[in-house]
Protein backbone atom coordinates (compact mmCIF):
# COMPACT_ATOMS: atom_id res chain seq x y z
CA SER A 1 25.03 12.59 -19.62
CA THR A 2 22.51 13.62 -17.05
CA CYS A 3 21.08 10.17 -16.89
CA GLU A 4 24.85 8.90 -16.10
CA HIS A 5 25.46 11.90 -13.59
CA VAL A 6 22.23 10.51 -11.66
CA GLY A 7 23.68 7.12 -11.69
CA ILE A 8 26.85 8.14 -10.49
CA ILE A 9 25.23 10.47 -7.68
CA ARG A 10 23.06 7.67 -6.53
CA ALA A 11 25.99 5.12 -6.03
CA LEU A 12 27.85 7.72 -3.89
CA LEU A 13 24.91 8.37 -1.78
CA GLU A 14 24.14 4.52 -1.24
CA ASN A 15 27.76 4.43 -0.04
CA GLY A 16 27.48 6.91 2.81
CA VAL A 17 28.07 10.11 1.33
CA ASP A 18 26.86 13.06 3.12
CA VAL A 19 24.10 14.69 1.22
CA ASP A 20 24.37 18.11 2.95
CA ALA A 21 28.34 17.94 3.05
CA ARG A 22 29.91 21.53 1.99
CA HIS A 23 33.65 21.94 0.90
CA ARG A 24 34.85 25.25 2.14
CA SER A 25 32.83 28.20 0.91
CA PHE A 26 31.05 26.24 -1.86
CA PRO A 27 27.39 25.62 -1.96
CA SER A 28 25.57 22.33 -1.00
CA ALA A 29 25.16 19.75 -3.75
CA LEU A 30 21.52 20.58 -3.35
CA GLU A 31 22.05 24.27 -4.01
CA ILE A 32 24.09 23.45 -6.84
CA ALA A 33 21.65 21.40 -8.57
CA ALA A 34 19.11 23.99 -8.03
CA LYS A 35 21.29 26.47 -9.36
CA ASN A 36 21.80 24.37 -12.65
CA GLY A 37 18.29 23.44 -13.11
CA ASN A 38 18.94 19.71 -12.79
CA SER A 39 15.46 18.58 -11.62
CA ASP A 40 16.42 14.77 -11.44
CA ILE A 41 19.45 15.16 -9.27
CA ILE A 42 17.37 17.69 -6.94
CA GLU A 43 14.89 14.77 -6.50
CA LEU A 44 17.68 12.31 -6.07
CA LEU A 45 19.23 14.43 -3.32
CA LEU A 46 15.71 15.32 -1.52
CA GLU A 47 15.13 11.60 -1.55
CA ALA A 48 18.08 10.83 0.27
CA ASN A 49 17.11 13.40 3.01
CA ALA A 50 18.89 16.37 1.99
CA ASP A 51 18.39 19.20 4.84
CA VAL A 52 14.95 20.69 5.16
CA ASN A 53 16.80 24.03 5.08
CA ALA A 54 17.77 23.29 1.56
CA THR A 55 14.37 22.66 0.87
CA LYS A 56 13.44 26.26 2.13
CA LEU A 57 16.13 27.71 -0.17
CA LEU A 58 14.79 25.91 -3.28
CA LEU A 59 10.64 27.25 -2.26
CA ARG A 60 12.34 30.84 -1.68
CA HIS A 61 13.95 30.53 -5.50
CA GLY A 62 10.59 29.52 -6.75
CA ALA A 63 10.87 25.76 -6.86
CA ASP A 64 7.60 24.30 -8.32
CA VAL A 65 6.21 21.94 -5.13
CA HIS A 66 4.29 19.94 -7.99
CA VAL A 67 6.88 19.18 -10.40
CA GLN A 68 7.67 15.60 -11.23
CA THR A 69 10.10 13.76 -13.82
CA PRO A 70 9.76 10.25 -15.25
CA GLN A 71 12.29 9.12 -12.68
CA PHE A 72 10.92 10.67 -9.31
CA PRO A 73 7.53 11.44 -7.86
CA PRO A 74 6.51 14.91 -6.89
CA ALA A 75 8.27 16.41 -3.82
CA LEU A 76 5.03 15.71 -1.38
CA GLN A 77 4.96 12.12 -2.51
CA GLY A 78 8.63 11.63 -2.03
CA ALA A 79 8.84 13.29 1.11
CA ALA A 80 5.95 11.24 2.67
CA SER A 81 7.49 8.04 1.73
CA LYS A 82 10.60 8.83 3.32
CA GLY A 83 8.85 9.71 6.45
CA GLN A 84 10.14 13.32 6.44
CA ASN A 85 7.89 15.10 8.44
CA GLU A 86 9.08 18.61 8.50
CA ILE A 87 9.41 18.72 4.72
CA VAL A 88 6.01 17.24 4.36
CA GLU A 89 4.73 20.18 6.34
CA LEU A 90 6.59 22.66 4.84
CA LEU A 91 5.57 21.63 1.45
CA LEU A 92 2.05 21.64 2.42
CA ASP A 93 2.41 25.27 3.82
CA ASN A 94 3.84 26.12 0.55
CA GLY A 95 0.83 25.14 -1.13
CA ALA A 96 1.37 21.34 -2.38
CA ASP A 97 -1.80 19.97 -3.31
CA ILE A 98 -2.65 16.87 -0.68
CA ASP A 99 -5.20 15.32 -3.29
CA ALA A 100 -3.00 15.75 -6.30
CA HIS A 101 -2.49 12.68 -8.56
CA ASP A 102 -2.08 10.93 -11.77
CA GLN A 103 -1.73 7.50 -13.09
CA GLN A 104 1.84 6.85 -12.06
CA TYR A 105 1.57 8.88 -8.79
CA PRO A 106 -1.74 8.81 -6.99
CA THR A 107 -1.61 11.21 -3.91
CA ALA A 108 0.30 12.36 -1.22
CA LEU A 109 -1.58 10.89 1.77
CA GLN A 110 -1.26 7.68 -0.01
CA SER A 111 2.54 7.98 0.01
CA ALA A 112 2.63 8.14 3.67
CA VAL A 113 1.17 4.48 3.79
CA ALA A 114 1.94 2.62 0.70
CA ASP A 115 3.60 -0.41 -0.98
CA TRP A 116 1.59 -3.33 -2.51
CA TRP A 117 -0.39 -2.71 -5.54
CA LEU A 118 -1.77 0.87 -4.43
CA LEU A 119 1.71 2.43 -4.43
CA PRO A 120 2.91 4.99 -4.46
CA LEU A 121 -0.10 7.35 -3.25
CA PRO A 122 1.49 9.11 -0.15
CA VAL A 123 -1.25 7.64 2.11
CA ASN A 124 -0.56 4.18 1.12
CA ILE A 125 3.24 4.67 1.53
CA ALA A 126 2.59 6.22 5.25
CA SER A 127 0.37 3.41 6.14
CA ALA A 128 2.64 0.67 4.90
CA ASN A 129 5.59 2.26 6.66
CA ASP A 130 3.53 2.62 9.95
CA ASN A 131 4.26 6.54 10.04
CA ARG A 132 1.19 7.87 11.72
CA SER A 133 2.81 11.12 12.30
CA ILE A 134 2.62 11.77 8.48
CA LEU A 135 -0.47 10.17 8.26
CA LYS A 136 -1.89 12.54 10.92
CA LEU A 137 -0.52 15.75 8.98
CA PHE A 138 -2.45 14.72 5.95
CA LEU A 139 -5.47 13.90 7.95
CA ASN A 140 -5.35 17.50 9.78
CA ARG A 141 -5.30 19.35 6.32
CA ASN A 142 -8.46 20.42 4.87
CA MET A 143 -8.80 17.34 2.58
CA ASN A 144 -11.80 16.85 0.50
CA ALA A 145 -14.38 14.72 2.64
CA GLN A 146 -15.01 11.90 -0.43
CA VAL A 147 -11.43 11.82 -0.86
CA GLN A 148 -10.58 11.68 3.00
CA GLY A 149 -12.87 8.74 3.13
CA GLU A 150 -11.47 6.96 0.09
CA THR A 151 -8.00 7.65 1.48
CA LEU A 152 -8.58 6.08 4.72
CA ALA A 153 -9.76 3.12 3.10
CA ARG A 154 -6.68 2.71 0.84
CA ALA A 155 -4.78 3.29 3.70
CA LEU A 156 -6.42 1.04 5.87
CA LEU A 157 -6.25 -2.03 3.16
CA VAL A 158 -2.53 -1.18 2.74
CA ALA A 159 -1.88 -1.42 6.65
CA ALA A 160 -3.80 -4.57 6.77
CA PHE A 161 -2.03 -6.20 3.80
CA HIS A 162 1.43 -5.50 5.64
CA GLY A 163 0.37 -6.54 9.06
CA ARG A 164 0.58 -2.84 10.33
CA ARG A 165 -1.50 -3.41 13.60
CA ARG A 166 -1.13 -0.08 15.27
CA MET A 167 -1.59 1.63 11.93
CA VAL A 168 -4.93 -0.41 11.45
CA GLU A 169 -6.06 0.64 14.96
CA PHE A 170 -5.26 4.41 14.19
CA LEU A 171 -7.19 4.30 10.89
CA ILE A 172 -9.95 2.73 12.69
CA GLN A 173 -10.25 5.29 15.11
CA ASN A 174 -10.11 7.91 12.83
CA GLY A 175 -13.18 6.60 10.94
CA ALA A 176 -11.96 4.45 8.22
CA ASP A 177 -14.77 2.28 6.69
CA LEU A 178 -13.98 -1.35 7.43
CA ASN A 179 -16.11 -2.62 4.54
CA GLN A 180 -15.37 -0.03 1.62
CA GLN A 181 -14.14 -1.84 -1.55
CA VAL A 182 -11.01 -0.13 -2.80
CA GLN A 183 -9.93 -2.79 -5.39
CA SER A 184 -10.74 -5.00 -2.28
CA SER A 185 -11.50 -4.78 1.35
CA ALA A 186 -9.14 -4.53 4.44
CA LEU A 187 -10.08 -7.94 5.61
CA GLN A 188 -9.45 -9.38 2.16
CA ALA A 189 -6.12 -7.67 2.24
CA ALA A 190 -5.23 -8.99 5.67
CA ALA A 191 -6.14 -12.42 5.04
CA GLY A 192 -4.10 -12.13 1.61
CA GLY A 193 -1.20 -11.34 3.78
CA GLY A 194 -1.97 -14.06 6.42
CA HIS A 195 -2.05 -11.76 9.18
CA LYS A 196 -4.17 -13.50 11.88
CA ALA A 197 -3.95 -10.47 14.58
CA ILE A 198 -5.04 -7.95 11.97
CA ILE A 199 -8.02 -10.46 10.98
CA LYS A 200 -9.09 -10.67 14.45
CA LEU A 201 -8.81 -6.80 14.93
CA LEU A 202 -11.13 -6.15 11.75
CA ILE A 203 -13.70 -8.71 12.48
CA LYS A 204 -14.03 -7.47 16.29
CA SER A 205 -14.36 -3.97 15.04
CA GLY A 206 -17.20 -5.14 12.58
CA ALA A 207 -15.43 -6.17 9.35
CA ASP A 208 -18.02 -8.41 6.94
CA VAL A 209 -16.28 -11.94 6.82
CA GLY A 210 -18.01 -12.60 3.28
CA ALA A 211 -16.98 -9.05 1.91
CA SER A 212 -16.18 -8.87 -1.69
CA ASP A 213 -17.59 -7.06 -4.80
CA HIS A 214 -18.70 -9.11 -8.04
CA ARG A 215 -15.17 -9.49 -9.16
CA SER A 216 -12.68 -9.81 -6.09
CA PRO A 217 -12.06 -12.83 -4.14
CA THR A 218 -13.75 -13.28 -0.58
CA PRO A 219 -11.53 -13.09 2.41
CA LEU A 220 -11.53 -16.81 2.71
CA GLN A 221 -10.46 -17.16 -1.04
CA ALA A 222 -7.80 -14.78 -0.58
CA ALA A 223 -6.37 -16.64 2.64
CA VAL A 224 -6.70 -20.00 0.40
CA THR A 225 -4.73 -18.50 -2.63
CA GLY A 226 -2.11 -17.05 -0.39
CA GLY A 227 -2.05 -20.61 1.66
CA HIS A 228 -2.69 -19.11 5.14
CA LYS A 229 -3.91 -22.08 6.73
CA ASP A 230 -4.18 -20.30 10.44
CA ALA A 231 -6.25 -17.38 8.78
CA ILE A 232 -8.63 -20.11 6.63
CA GLN A 233 -9.16 -21.41 9.94
CA LEU A 234 -10.20 -18.05 11.78
CA LEU A 235 -12.51 -16.98 8.99
CA LEU A 236 -14.08 -20.27 9.02
CA ASP A 237 -14.37 -19.99 12.88
CA ASN A 238 -15.90 -16.47 12.26
CA GLY A 239 -18.81 -17.33 10.06
CA ALA A 240 -17.02 -17.39 6.60
CA ALA A 241 -19.07 -19.44 3.88
CA VAL A 242 -17.11 -22.19 2.84
CA ASP A 243 -18.66 -22.37 -0.67
CA ASP A 244 -19.20 -18.70 -1.19
CA HIS A 245 -17.96 -17.64 -4.88
CA ASN A 246 -18.76 -15.42 -7.73
CA GLN A 247 -18.54 -15.90 -11.50
CA HIS A 248 -14.87 -14.35 -11.58
CA CYS A 249 -13.13 -16.32 -8.58
CA PRO A 250 -12.99 -19.96 -7.94
CA THR A 251 -14.61 -21.57 -4.42
CA ALA A 252 -11.99 -21.76 -1.77
CA ILE A 253 -11.77 -25.66 -2.46
CA GLN A 254 -11.12 -25.21 -6.56
CA ARG A 255 -8.24 -22.76 -5.44
CA ALA A 256 -6.88 -25.13 -2.95
CA ILE A 257 -6.80 -27.95 -5.49
CA ILE A 258 -5.05 -25.64 -8.05
CA ASN A 259 -2.41 -24.77 -5.45
CA GLY A 260 -2.06 -28.76 -4.76
CA ASP A 261 -2.69 -27.64 -1.23
CA ARG A 262 -3.52 -30.81 0.30
CA ARG A 263 -4.24 -29.93 3.91
CA THR A 264 -6.35 -26.97 2.93
CA VAL A 265 -8.39 -29.10 0.79
CA GLU A 266 -9.03 -31.62 3.79
CA LEU A 267 -9.71 -28.62 6.11
CA LEU A 268 -12.33 -27.19 3.73
CA LEU A 269 -14.06 -30.81 3.22
CA CYS A 270 -14.15 -31.16 6.84
CA ARG A 271 -15.78 -27.86 7.24
CA GLY A 272 -18.72 -28.92 4.53
CA ALA A 273 -17.06 -27.51 1.36
CA ASP A 274 -19.16 -28.86 -1.80
CA ALA A 275 -16.60 -31.37 -3.65
CA ASN A 276 -19.12 -31.28 -6.69
CA LEU A 277 -19.83 -27.50 -6.84
CA GLN A 278 -18.90 -25.79 -10.29
CA VAL A 279 -18.28 -22.29 -10.58
CA GLY A 280 -18.03 -20.16 -13.75
CA GLN A 281 -15.47 -21.54 -16.10
CA LEU A 282 -13.95 -24.14 -13.92
CA ALA A 283 -14.82 -27.58 -13.43
CA PRO A 284 -15.89 -29.26 -10.35
CA PRO A 285 -13.00 -29.99 -7.86
CA LEU A 286 -12.58 -33.50 -8.42
CA TYR A 287 -12.05 -32.53 -12.12
CA ILE A 288 -9.55 -30.14 -11.62
CA ALA A 289 -7.63 -32.46 -9.42
CA ILE A 290 -7.42 -35.22 -11.97
CA ALA A 291 -6.42 -32.64 -14.80
CA MET A 292 -3.64 -31.28 -12.62
CA GLY A 293 -2.36 -34.91 -11.71
CA HIS A 294 -3.08 -34.69 -7.77
CA ARG A 295 -3.61 -38.05 -6.04
């Protein structure tokens, strides 16, 4: 079956087989797959860095730049995720829609930045992989202004979570909104990842240390959830409110108690955390500690 063939081909590629190798006068693997119409195998070979000239051949023979299969993303997302600058540019020149997305594969700019929960949008893939050259390719195209603003915000969030300082700097220089909420803010993402250098850079550049929407945690709560003590200290030193909360997220001290993180509990108490504060459905801190058996 095609599925079994895909598995065999994947195993060969993972063991160092040259994707562009030719035998005598026979065509390349990609050319054979194209002739046979095996879309899964075509995508697998392209994913393995098949020669850009083979991509040109496929396009000349009418290959659909937007086609995708259950196993593989559209070509533009795949090329962006692999850092294949030439192929990305070639696909864009042949009409690939930079803003195209669906529930499974959001957009191409996101694939150049991503990983984490926002993957596999092309921009996110580029950002997580610290691939600024592909990101520049996307940003230099005529992207819808609203889409570009959200795309930059998503890319910044992903880069911040992965600790990609140079990518964060690049995105800030290109106008990314530091406080735009795309499920969370860049500072929340950096705090959740425990990246002190990124947290410092974002705060210095104007990020709001208390930013959150009515459902997501604040940067401080995100840092406490991840147990990142240096990040917690840094946020508190820069004005984070120790008892800040909403109805959907526990306070920082409640989260620290749930985690059984005594050092963070002590730090928060020293910084003025209210040990009697009750939020949402959670009991006050002391009750939580007793219920969880903490001493």
